[in-house]
Amino acid sequence: MKRPIMQDVFFLSRPSVRATAKDRNVTKDLLDTLQANADRCVGMAANMIGVSKRIIVFHDGRHDIVMYNPVIIAKKEPYTAEEGCLSLTGTRTTTRYQQITVAYQDGQLRQQREDFSGFVAQIIQHECDHLEGIII
């Protein structure tokens, strides 16, 4: 189900809590909402639809990817990026990293560790900031 985009900065600034198997229903709503906003959005965190759980979804250019409880465990090659967000008006400047390593659980809640680079790495960093309550 497509959900409205959360714009309450107080809610968005709170860190999200660990997701469990009981939160799988949130994933469908996140994916539906991402697809409904595909013309202006490539990733979403659960708090963007009003659910304070550590779940992100994003489009990697070919597939929609789901990550439960992602944590960036390594980052290399900082650069400055200008980013917008569905939850906020305008754009903001932030530091991102060209290469990252992420530990997360996949859709079956199996532990994964994967390297990402370029624009996909930037998307993941933005969504992980949401999970930490960092507003960009």
C-alpha atoms as a PDB file:
ATOM      1  CA  MET A   1       0.000   0.000   0.000  1.00  0.00           C
ATOM      2  CA  LYS A   2       1.306   3.433  -0.930  1.00  0.00           C
ATOM      3  CA  ARG A   3       1.776   5.487   2.241  1.00  0.00           C
ATOM      4  CA  PRO A   4       2.015   9.273   2.705  1.00  0.00           C
ATOM      5  CA  ILE A   5       5.520  10.723   3.080  1.00  0.00           C
ATOM      6  CA  MET A   6       6.374  11.757   6.640  1.00  0.00           C
ATOM      7  CA  GLN A   7       7.447  15.401   6.896  1.00  0.00           C
ATOM      8  CA  ASP A   8       7.423  15.831  10.687  1.00  0.00           C
ATOM      9  CA  VAL A   9      11.046  16.792  11.436  1.00  0.00           C
ATOM     10  CA  PHE A  10      10.673  15.843  15.120  1.00  0.00           C
ATOM     11  CA  PHE A  11       9.668  12.284  14.171  1.00  0.00           C
ATOM     12  CA  LEU A  12      12.332  12.025  11.461  1.00  0.00           C
ATOM     13  CA  SER A  13      15.073  13.186  13.845  1.00  0.00           C
ATOM     14  CA  ARG A  14      14.588  10.186  16.171  1.00  0.00           C
ATOM     15  CA  PRO A  15      16.794   7.137  15.563  1.00  0.00           C
ATOM     16  CA  SER A  16      14.905   4.071  14.356  1.00  0.00           C
ATOM     17  CA  VAL A  17      14.774   0.804  16.292  1.00  0.00           C
ATOM     18  CA  ARG A  18      15.911  -2.622  15.144  1.00  0.00           C
ATOM     19  CA  ALA A  19      13.606  -4.391  12.692  1.00  0.00           C
ATOM     20  CA  THR A  20      12.496  -8.005  13.193  1.00  0.00           C
ATOM     21  CA  ALA A  21      10.553 -10.600  11.209  1.00  0.00           C
ATOM     22  CA  LYS A  22       7.364  -9.018  12.579  1.00  0.00           C
ATOM     23  CA  ASP A  23       8.164  -5.900  10.514  1.00  0.00           C
ATOM     24  CA  ARG A  24       8.142  -7.582   7.105  1.00  0.00           C
ATOM     25  CA  ASN A  25       4.757  -6.029   6.277  1.00  0.00           C
ATOM     26  CA  VAL A  26       6.450  -2.606   6.361  1.00  0.00           C
ATOM     27  CA  THR A  27       8.619  -3.660   3.411  1.00  0.00           C
ATOM     28  CA  LYS A  28       5.652  -4.014   1.043  1.00  0.00           C
ATOM     29  CA  ASP A  29       4.406  -0.529   1.930  1.00  0.00           C
ATOM     30  CA  LEU A  30       7.914   0.888   1.495  1.00  0.00           C
ATOM     31  CA  LEU A  31       8.307  -0.720  -1.935  1.00  0.00           C
ATOM     32  CA  ASP A  32       4.837   0.396  -3.035  1.00  0.00           C
ATOM     33  CA  THR A  33       5.569   3.958  -1.885  1.00  0.00           C
ATOM     34  CA  LEU A  34       8.993   3.947  -3.579  1.00  0.00           C
ATOM     35  CA  GLN A  35       7.431   2.774  -6.849  1.00  0.00           C
ATOM     36  CA  ALA A  36       4.679   5.407  -6.602  1.00  0.00           C
ATOM     37  CA  ASN A  37       7.385   8.082  -6.276  1.00  0.00           C
ATOM     38  CA  ALA A  38       9.857   6.599  -8.780  1.00  0.00           C
ATOM     39  CA  ASP A  39       9.858   9.788 -10.847  1.00  0.00           C
ATOM     40  CA  ARG A  40      11.518  11.688  -7.976  1.00  0.00           C
ATOM     41  CA  CYS A  41      12.897   9.117  -5.541  1.00  0.00           C
ATOM     42  CA  VAL A  42      15.373   6.204  -5.657  1.00  0.00           C
ATOM     43  CA  GLY A  43      15.386   5.126  -2.002  1.00  0.00           C
ATOM     44  CA  MET A  44      13.348   5.229   1.186  1.00  0.00           C
ATOM     45  CA  ALA A  45      13.732   4.493   4.872  1.00  0.00           C
ATOM     46  CA  ALA A  46      10.823   3.187   6.950  1.00  0.00           C
ATOM     47  CA  ASN A  47      10.595   6.389   9.000  1.00  0.00           C
ATOM     48  CA  MET A  48       9.735   8.233   5.776  1.00  0.00           C
ATOM     49  CA  ILE A  49       6.372   6.425   5.853  1.00  0.00           C
ATOM     50  CA  GLY A  50       5.915   6.875   9.603  1.00  0.00           C
ATOM     51  CA  VAL A  51       7.443   3.603  10.845  1.00  0.00           C
ATOM     52  CA  SER A  52      10.448   3.950  13.128  1.00  0.00           C
ATOM     53  CA  LYS A  53      12.167   0.691  12.137  1.00  0.00           C
ATOM     54  CA  ARG A  54      15.618   0.073  10.618  1.00  0.00           C
ATOM     55  CA  ILE A  55      14.481  -0.877   7.117  1.00  0.00           C
ATOM     56  CA  ILE A  56      15.524   0.712   3.825  1.00  0.00           C
ATOM     57  CA  VAL A  57      14.593   0.041   0.207  1.00  0.00           C
ATOM     58  CA  PHE A  58      16.226   1.421  -2.917  1.00  0.00           C
ATOM     59  CA  HIS A  59      16.465   0.909  -6.638  1.00  0.00           C
ATOM     60  CA  ASP A  60      19.946  -0.035  -7.864  1.00  0.00           C
ATOM     61  CA  GLY A  61      19.190   0.601 -11.539  1.00  0.00           C
ATOM     62  CA  ARG A  62      17.906  -2.935 -12.134  1.00  0.00           C
ATOM     63  CA  HIS A  63      16.165  -4.155  -8.982  1.00  0.00           C
ATOM     64  CA  ASP A  64      14.501  -2.942  -5.828  1.00  0.00           C
ATOM     65  CA  ILE A  65      16.719  -3.904  -2.879  1.00  0.00           C
ATOM     66  CA  VAL A  66      15.565  -4.368   0.737  1.00  0.00           C
ATOM     67  CA  MET A  67      17.896  -4.061   3.725  1.00  0.00           C
ATOM     68  CA  TYR A  68      16.936  -4.765   7.315  1.00  0.00           C
ATOM     69  CA  ASN A  69      19.118  -3.252  10.049  1.00  0.00           C
ATOM     70  CA  PRO A  70      21.831  -1.894   7.710  1.00  0.00           C
ATOM     71  CA  VAL A  71      25.043  -0.545   9.214  1.00  0.00           C
ATOM     72  CA  ILE A  72      27.815   1.082   7.213  1.00  0.00           C
ATOM     73  CA  ILE A  73      30.970  -0.558   8.540  1.00  0.00           C
ATOM     74  CA  ALA A  74      33.570   0.967   6.193  1.00  0.00           C
ATOM     75  CA  LYS A  75      33.777   4.004   3.916  1.00  0.00           C
ATOM     76  CA  LYS A  76      36.403   5.396   1.542  1.00  0.00           C
ATOM     77  CA  GLU A  77      36.920   8.400  -0.714  1.00  0.00           C
ATOM     78  CA  PRO A  78      34.852  11.268   0.698  1.00  0.00           C
ATOM     79  CA  TYR A  79      33.210  13.805  -1.602  1.00  0.00           C
ATOM     80  CA  THR A  80      30.657  16.601  -1.313  1.00  0.00           C
ATOM     81  CA  ALA A  81      27.135  15.919  -2.588  1.00  0.00           C
ATOM     82  CA  GLU A  82      23.981  17.995  -2.964  1.00  0.00           C
ATOM     83  CA  GLU A  83      20.896  15.958  -2.007  1.00  0.00           C
ATOM     84  CA  GLY A  84      17.164  16.368  -1.872  1.00  0.00           C
ATOM     85  CA  CYS A  85      14.649  14.315   0.095  1.00  0.00           C
ATOM     86  CA  LEU A  86      10.935  13.602  -0.277  1.00  0.00           C
ATOM     87  CA  SER A  87      10.503  14.415   3.416  1.00  0.00           C
ATOM     88  CA  LEU A  88      12.034  17.891   3.137  1.00  0.00           C
ATOM     89  CA  THR A  89      11.868  20.909   0.862  1.00  0.00           C
ATOM     90  CA  GLY A  90      14.968  21.899  -1.097  1.00  0.00           C
ATOM     91  CA  THR A  91      18.451  20.406  -1.183  1.00  0.00           C
ATOM     92  CA  ARG A  92      21.328  20.211   1.275  1.00  0.00           C
ATOM     93  CA  THR A  93      25.080  19.743   1.022  1.00  0.00           C
ATOM     94  CA  THR A  94      26.591  16.732   2.764  1.00  0.00           C
ATOM     95  CA  THR A  95      29.682  14.533   2.765  1.00  0.00           C
ATOM     96  CA  ARG A  96      29.331  11.119   1.158  1.00  0.00           C
ATOM     97  CA  TYR A  97      31.793   8.339   0.390  1.00  0.00           C
ATOM     98  CA  GLN A  98      32.464   6.797  -3.017  1.00  0.00           C
ATOM     99  CA  GLN A  99      32.892   3.279  -1.573  1.00  0.00           C
ATOM    100  CA  ILE A 100      31.122   1.729   1.414  1.00  0.00           C
ATOM    101  CA  THR A 101      30.734  -1.669   3.033  1.00  0.00           C
ATOM    102  CA  VAL A 102      27.347  -2.453   4.564  1.00  0.00           C
ATOM    103  CA  ALA A 103      26.363  -5.192   7.010  1.00  0.00           C
ATOM    104  CA  TYR A 104      22.635  -5.902   6.808  1.00  0.00           C
ATOM    105  CA  GLN A 105      19.952  -8.564   6.756  1.00  0.00           C
ATOM    106  CA  ASP A 106      18.314  -9.449   3.439  1.00  0.00           C
ATOM    107  CA  GLY A 107      14.609 -10.088   2.805  1.00  0.00           C
ATOM    108  CA  GLN A 108      14.869 -13.493   4.503  1.00  0.00           C
ATOM    109  CA  LEU A 109      16.689 -11.855   7.452  1.00  0.00           C
ATOM    110  CA  ARG A 110      19.949 -13.618   6.578  1.00  0.00           C
ATOM    111  CA  GLN A 111      23.073 -11.682   7.527  1.00  0.00           C
ATOM    112  CA  GLN A 112      24.913 -10.135   4.556  1.00  0.00           C
ATOM    113  CA  ARG A 113      27.986  -7.982   4.039  1.00  0.00           C
ATOM    114  CA  GLU A 114      28.401  -6.201   0.734  1.00  0.00           C
ATOM    115  CA  ASP A 115      30.458  -3.460  -0.925  1.00  0.00           C
ATOM    116  CA  PHE A 116      28.772  -0.651  -2.863  1.00  0.00           C
ATOM    117  CA  SER A 117      30.125   2.278  -4.843  1.00  0.00           C
ATOM    118  CA  GLY A 118      29.026   5.342  -6.756  1.00  0.00           C
ATOM    119  CA  PHE A 119      25.414   6.469  -6.809  1.00  0.00           C
ATOM    120  CA  VAL A 120      24.085   3.309  -5.138  1.00  0.00           C
ATOM    121  CA  ALA A 121      26.483   3.914  -2.224  1.00  0.00           C
ATOM    122  CA  GLN A 122      25.191   7.488  -1.993  1.00  0.00           C
ATOM    123  CA  ILE A 123      21.573   6.289  -1.847  1.00  0.00           C
ATOM    124  CA  ILE A 124      22.372   3.813   0.940  1.00  0.00           C
ATOM    125  CA  GLN A 125      24.221   6.481   2.936  1.00  0.00           C
ATOM    126  CA  HIS A 126      21.254   8.852   2.659  1.00  0.00           C
ATOM    127  CA  GLU A 127      18.773   6.198   3.793  1.00  0.00           C
ATOM    128  CA  CYS A 128      21.030   5.035   6.643  1.00  0.00           C
ATOM    129  CA  ASP A 129      21.203   8.665   7.813  1.00  0.00           C
ATOM    130  CA  HIS A 130      17.406   8.567   8.038  1.00  0.00           C
ATOM    131  CA  LEU A 131      17.638   5.502  10.297  1.00  0.00           C
ATOM    132  CA  GLU A 132      19.987   7.413  12.607  1.00  0.00           C
ATOM    133  CA  GLY A 133      17.688  10.450  12.741  1.00  0.00           C
ATOM    134  CA  ILE A 134      20.088  12.532  10.643  1.00  0.00           C
ATOM    135  CA  ILE A 135      18.104  14.858   8.422  1.00  0.00           C
ATOM    136  CA  ILE A 136      19.670  15.655   5.048  1.00  0.00           C
END
